[in-house]
N, C-alpha and C. Protein backbone atom coordinates (compact mmCIF):
# COMPACT_ATOMS: atom_id res chain seq x y z
N MET A 1 39.57 -23.98 65.93
CA MET A 1 38.84 -23.39 66.87
C MET A 1 37.57 -24.15 66.86
N ALA A 2 37.09 -24.75 68.23
CA ALA A 2 35.90 -25.57 68.42
C ALA A 2 35.31 -24.69 68.83
N LEU A 3 33.27 -25.10 68.54
CA LEU A 3 32.93 -24.30 69.41
C LEU A 3 32.35 -24.77 70.28
N THR A 4 31.45 -24.97 71.50
CA THR A 4 30.71 -25.20 72.50
C THR A 4 29.43 -24.95 73.34
N LEU A 5 28.48 -25.65 73.12
CA LEU A 5 26.69 -25.23 73.79
C LEU A 5 27.20 -24.20 74.24
N THR A 6 27.42 -23.62 74.95
CA THR A 6 27.32 -22.63 75.18
C THR A 6 27.77 -21.15 74.33
N ASP A 7 28.79 -21.66 73.12
CA ASP A 7 28.21 -20.73 72.14
C ASP A 7 27.48 -20.64 71.56
N VAL A 8 26.71 -21.80 70.97
CA VAL A 8 25.96 -22.06 70.36
C VAL A 8 24.50 -21.33 70.99
N ASP A 9 24.42 -21.65 72.53
CA ASP A 9 23.13 -20.73 72.84
C ASP A 9 23.68 -19.18 72.81
N ARG A 10 24.79 -18.80 73.08
CA ARG A 10 25.08 -17.13 72.47
C ARG A 10 24.17 -16.70 71.06
N ILE A 11 24.83 -17.75 70.25
CA ILE A 11 24.67 -17.35 68.49
C ILE A 11 22.96 -17.67 68.54
N ALA A 12 22.66 -18.33 69.51
CA ALA A 12 20.81 -18.82 68.83
C ALA A 12 20.82 -17.27 69.60
N ARG A 13 20.90 -16.95 71.33
CA ARG A 13 20.07 -15.58 71.62
C ARG A 13 20.11 -14.67 70.87
N LEU A 14 21.39 -14.47 70.40
CA LEU A 14 21.85 -13.18 69.47
C LEU A 14 21.00 -13.18 68.24
N SER A 15 20.70 -14.40 67.77
CA SER A 15 19.62 -14.49 66.30
C SER A 15 18.43 -14.76 66.94
N ARG A 16 18.29 -14.73 67.95
CA ARG A 16 16.24 -14.91 68.26
C ARG A 16 16.22 -15.81 67.89
N LEU A 17 17.08 -17.15 68.14
CA LEU A 17 16.51 -18.39 67.80
C LEU A 17 16.13 -19.31 69.19
N ARG A 18 15.32 -20.05 68.94
CA ARG A 18 14.49 -20.92 70.05
C ARG A 18 15.49 -22.43 69.80
N LEU A 19 16.52 -23.20 70.42
CA LEU A 19 16.94 -24.29 70.05
C LEU A 19 16.61 -25.33 71.40
N ASP A 20 16.11 -26.43 70.98
CA ASP A 20 16.20 -27.06 72.26
C ASP A 20 17.63 -28.41 72.08
N GLY A 21 17.22 -29.45 72.75
CA GLY A 21 18.42 -29.51 73.04
C GLY A 21 19.10 -30.73 72.01
N ASP A 22 18.27 -31.20 71.26
CA ASP A 22 18.71 -31.96 69.97
C ASP A 22 19.38 -30.71 68.80
N GLN A 23 18.43 -29.95 68.56
CA GLN A 23 18.64 -28.87 68.07
C GLN A 23 20.43 -28.11 68.03
N ARG A 24 20.34 -27.87 69.63
CA ARG A 24 21.63 -27.49 70.05
C ARG A 24 23.03 -28.30 69.53
N GLN A 25 22.57 -29.48 69.63
CA GLN A 25 23.83 -30.30 69.73
C GLN A 25 24.25 -30.68 67.65
N ARG A 26 22.89 -30.50 67.39
CA ARG A 26 22.76 -30.45 65.54
C ARG A 26 23.69 -29.13 65.45
N MET A 27 23.55 -28.03 65.99
CA MET A 27 23.84 -27.07 65.38
C MET A 27 25.20 -26.92 65.77
N LEU A 28 25.57 -27.03 66.97
CA LEU A 28 26.69 -27.54 67.22
C LEU A 28 27.66 -27.89 66.05
N ASP A 29 27.56 -29.59 65.58
CA ASP A 29 28.53 -30.17 65.32
C ASP A 29 28.17 -29.56 63.46
N LYS A 30 27.15 -28.73 63.17
CA LYS A 30 27.61 -28.17 62.06
C LYS A 30 28.67 -27.22 61.94
N LEU A 31 28.59 -26.06 63.01
CA LEU A 31 29.27 -24.74 63.20
C LEU A 31 30.69 -25.48 63.44
N ASN A 32 30.80 -26.64 64.26
CA ASN A 32 32.29 -26.97 64.03
C ASN A 32 32.69 -27.89 62.95
N GLY A 33 31.41 -28.22 62.18
CA GLY A 33 32.13 -28.95 60.95
C GLY A 33 32.54 -27.44 59.95
N PHE A 34 31.65 -26.75 59.70
CA PHE A 34 32.23 -25.21 59.00
C PHE A 34 33.76 -24.91 59.17
N PHE A 35 34.01 -24.78 60.70
CA PHE A 35 35.60 -24.29 60.99
C PHE A 35 36.36 -25.26 60.62
N GLY A 36 36.09 -27.41 60.79
CA GLY A 36 36.61 -27.87 60.41
C GLY A 36 37.00 -27.42 58.85
N LEU A 37 36.30 -27.28 58.16
CA LEU A 37 36.46 -27.43 56.91
C LEU A 37 37.25 -25.66 56.35
N VAL A 38 36.88 -24.94 57.28
CA VAL A 38 37.86 -23.54 57.27
C VAL A 38 39.40 -23.79 57.69
N THR A 39 39.65 -24.96 58.19
CA THR A 39 40.93 -25.25 59.08
C THR A 39 41.85 -26.10 57.83
N ALA A 40 40.66 -26.80 57.45
CA ALA A 40 41.66 -27.43 56.31
C ALA A 40 42.17 -26.88 54.84
N MET A 41 41.13 -25.89 54.31
CA MET A 41 41.75 -24.80 53.37
C MET A 41 42.67 -23.71 54.14
N GLN A 42 42.82 -23.30 55.28
CA GLN A 42 43.64 -22.96 55.56
C GLN A 42 44.97 -23.66 55.74
N ALA A 43 44.77 -25.35 55.81
CA ALA A 43 46.53 -25.72 55.73
C ALA A 43 46.97 -26.26 54.35
N VAL A 44 46.00 -25.68 53.40
CA VAL A 44 46.56 -25.79 52.01
C VAL A 44 47.59 -24.94 51.55
N ASP A 45 48.49 -25.19 50.98
CA ASP A 45 49.62 -24.07 50.34
C ASP A 45 49.25 -23.82 49.39
N THR A 46 49.28 -22.47 49.13
CA THR A 46 48.66 -21.73 48.36
C THR A 46 50.19 -20.36 47.52
N THR A 47 50.97 -21.25 47.95
CA THR A 47 52.26 -20.15 47.43
C THR A 47 52.55 -20.22 46.11
N GLY A 48 52.41 -18.95 45.18
CA GLY A 48 52.62 -19.20 43.68
C GLY A 48 51.14 -18.70 42.72
N VAL A 49 50.30 -18.79 44.07
CA VAL A 49 48.53 -19.57 43.36
C VAL A 49 48.03 -17.97 43.19
N GLU A 50 47.74 -17.21 41.94
CA GLU A 50 47.48 -15.94 41.49
C GLU A 50 45.70 -16.14 42.09
N PRO A 51 45.27 -15.14 42.85
CA PRO A 51 44.00 -15.42 42.83
C PRO A 51 43.02 -14.84 41.66
N LEU A 52 41.93 -15.23 42.00
CA LEU A 52 40.96 -15.76 40.46
C LEU A 52 39.79 -14.87 40.71
N ALA A 53 39.37 -13.88 39.32
CA ALA A 53 38.47 -13.27 39.47
C ALA A 53 36.65 -14.04 39.30
N HIS A 54 37.34 -15.06 38.78
CA HIS A 54 36.02 -16.16 38.74
C HIS A 54 35.82 -17.63 38.99
N PRO A 55 35.41 -18.50 39.75
CA PRO A 55 36.49 -19.79 39.78
C PRO A 55 36.32 -20.39 38.53
N LEU A 56 35.62 -20.00 37.56
CA LEU A 56 35.89 -20.65 35.96
C LEU A 56 37.45 -20.43 35.68
N ALA A 57 37.82 -19.19 36.02
CA ALA A 57 38.94 -18.77 35.05
C ALA A 57 40.57 -20.01 35.22
N ALA A 58 40.20 -20.47 35.97
CA ALA A 58 41.31 -21.59 36.42
C ALA A 58 41.03 -22.40 34.97
N VAL A 59 40.09 -22.95 34.31
CA VAL A 59 39.24 -23.75 33.36
C VAL A 59 39.31 -22.96 31.93
N ARG A 60 39.07 -21.93 31.77
CA ARG A 60 38.71 -21.63 30.98
C ARG A 60 38.48 -19.62 30.78
N ASP A 61 38.48 -19.24 29.68
CA ASP A 61 38.73 -17.51 29.73
C ASP A 61 37.31 -17.01 30.44
N VAL A 62 37.20 -16.66 31.13
CA VAL A 62 35.62 -15.55 31.29
C VAL A 62 36.13 -14.16 31.28
N GLN A 63 34.95 -13.37 30.37
CA GLN A 63 34.62 -12.16 30.74
C GLN A 63 33.73 -11.82 31.67
N LEU A 64 33.89 -10.90 32.23
CA LEU A 64 33.12 -10.51 32.88
C LEU A 64 31.78 -9.47 32.52
N ARG A 65 30.72 -9.72 33.52
CA ARG A 65 29.25 -8.91 32.73
C ARG A 65 29.03 -8.19 33.48
N LEU A 66 29.63 -6.53 33.18
CA LEU A 66 29.22 -5.66 34.01
C LEU A 66 27.82 -5.08 33.27
N HIS A 67 27.26 -4.06 34.65
CA HIS A 67 26.31 -3.21 33.79
C HIS A 67 26.44 -1.90 34.65
N ALA A 68 26.01 -0.86 33.79
CA ALA A 68 25.98 0.51 34.32
C ALA A 68 25.37 0.48 36.06
N ASP A 69 25.92 1.49 36.54
CA ASP A 69 25.34 1.84 38.25
C ASP A 69 24.24 2.78 37.43
N ALA A 70 22.65 2.10 37.25
CA ALA A 70 22.13 3.55 37.18
C ALA A 70 20.89 3.49 37.67
N VAL A 71 19.99 4.72 37.84
CA VAL A 71 18.87 4.69 38.95
C VAL A 71 17.65 4.02 37.44
N GLY A 72 17.01 2.65 38.40
CA GLY A 72 16.34 1.80 37.20
C GLY A 72 15.08 2.70 37.39
N GLU A 73 14.60 3.34 38.73
CA GLU A 73 13.21 4.46 38.60
C GLU A 73 13.02 5.75 39.80
N PRO A 74 13.33 6.59 39.55
CA PRO A 74 13.14 7.90 40.69
C PRO A 74 12.57 7.53 41.57
N ALA A 75 12.66 8.09 42.86
CA ALA A 75 12.63 8.01 44.19
C ALA A 75 11.38 9.27 44.14
N THR A 76 10.09 8.58 45.12
CA THR A 76 9.24 10.03 44.33
C THR A 76 8.31 9.58 46.04
N LEU A 77 8.06 10.53 46.83
CA LEU A 77 7.40 10.24 48.02
C LEU A 77 6.48 9.08 48.09
N ALA A 78 6.07 9.20 46.90
CA ALA A 78 4.42 8.14 47.09
C ALA A 78 5.38 6.29 47.05
N ALA A 79 6.34 6.62 46.45
CA ALA A 79 6.59 5.04 46.62
C ALA A 79 7.26 4.84 47.84
N ARG A 80 8.20 5.40 48.60
CA ARG A 80 9.01 6.08 50.16
C ARG A 80 7.57 5.30 51.09
N ALA A 81 6.46 5.71 50.64
CA ALA A 81 5.20 5.77 51.62
C ALA A 81 4.93 4.23 51.25
N ALA A 82 4.62 3.70 49.96
CA ALA A 82 4.10 2.75 50.07
C ALA A 82 5.01 1.54 50.42
N ASN A 83 6.54 1.31 50.17
CA ASN A 83 7.67 0.51 50.87
C ASN A 83 7.21 0.79 52.54
N MET A 84 7.15 2.02 53.13
CA MET A 84 6.87 1.96 54.45
C MET A 84 5.88 1.01 54.99
N GLN A 85 4.89 1.33 54.17
CA GLN A 85 4.28 0.55 55.04
C GLN A 85 4.15 -0.85 55.50
N ASN A 86 4.95 -1.77 55.25
CA ASN A 86 5.72 -2.75 55.60
C ASN A 86 6.10 -2.67 56.77
N ALA A 87 6.52 -1.93 57.23
CA ALA A 87 7.54 -1.69 58.61
C ALA A 87 6.69 -1.55 59.52
N PRO A 88 6.71 -2.84 60.53
CA PRO A 88 5.89 -3.03 62.01
C PRO A 88 6.51 -1.46 62.78
N VAL A 89 7.85 -0.86 62.52
CA VAL A 89 7.73 0.78 63.33
C VAL A 89 8.57 1.25 62.38
N ALA A 90 8.49 2.77 62.43
CA ALA A 90 9.08 3.29 61.84
C ALA A 90 8.89 4.65 61.89
N GLN A 91 10.26 5.79 62.21
CA GLN A 91 10.30 6.88 62.38
C GLN A 91 11.11 7.66 61.15
N ASP A 92 10.48 8.73 60.98
CA ASP A 92 11.15 9.82 59.96
C ASP A 92 11.33 8.79 58.31
N GLY A 93 10.62 8.58 58.40
CA GLY A 93 10.84 7.42 57.22
C GLY A 93 11.65 6.57 56.86
N LEU A 94 12.15 6.05 58.16
CA LEU A 94 13.02 4.98 58.28
C LEU A 94 12.64 3.51 59.04
N PHE A 95 13.02 2.29 58.71
CA PHE A 95 12.54 1.44 59.53
C PHE A 95 13.40 1.19 60.79
N LEU A 96 12.59 0.84 62.15
CA LEU A 96 13.20 0.96 63.35
C LEU A 96 12.97 -0.27 63.67
N VAL A 97 14.49 -0.93 63.84
CA VAL A 97 14.75 -2.11 64.43
C VAL A 97 14.93 -2.51 66.00
N PRO A 98 15.17 -3.41 66.75
CA PRO A 98 15.37 -3.69 67.93
C PRO A 98 17.03 -3.97 67.84
N LYS A 99 17.60 -3.48 68.86
CA LYS A 99 18.99 -4.04 68.85
C LYS A 99 19.67 -5.26 69.40
N VAL A 100 20.52 -5.85 68.39
CA VAL A 100 20.61 -7.52 68.66
C VAL A 100 21.78 -7.44 69.18
N ILE A 101 22.78 -6.48 68.85
CA ILE A 101 24.34 -6.57 69.47
C ILE A 101 24.42 -5.87 70.79
N GLU A 102 25.21 -6.29 71.52
CA GLU A 102 25.28 -6.28 72.89
C GLU A 102 26.82 -5.16 72.67
């Protein structure tokens, strides 16, 4: 799948990026390079290859470090109010963001 400059323009608009002519072409080349890499990886025959939990598991035995899922600090109204001070627009204790998906 190869992208066109029209696709790059649409992605830039959705991402709220302003790209000039040279930047558009460079972005197109980079994105198509990524898709080329994915296409090359999909072409590799992986029949019989077991998935790895960690990339180093193919080389040596790897023990995954897991930690308990616990709350580190109690949530307080004061902490929430302090966090909301950074919000450009807020309502009912939530950050409001502009819609970017059509």
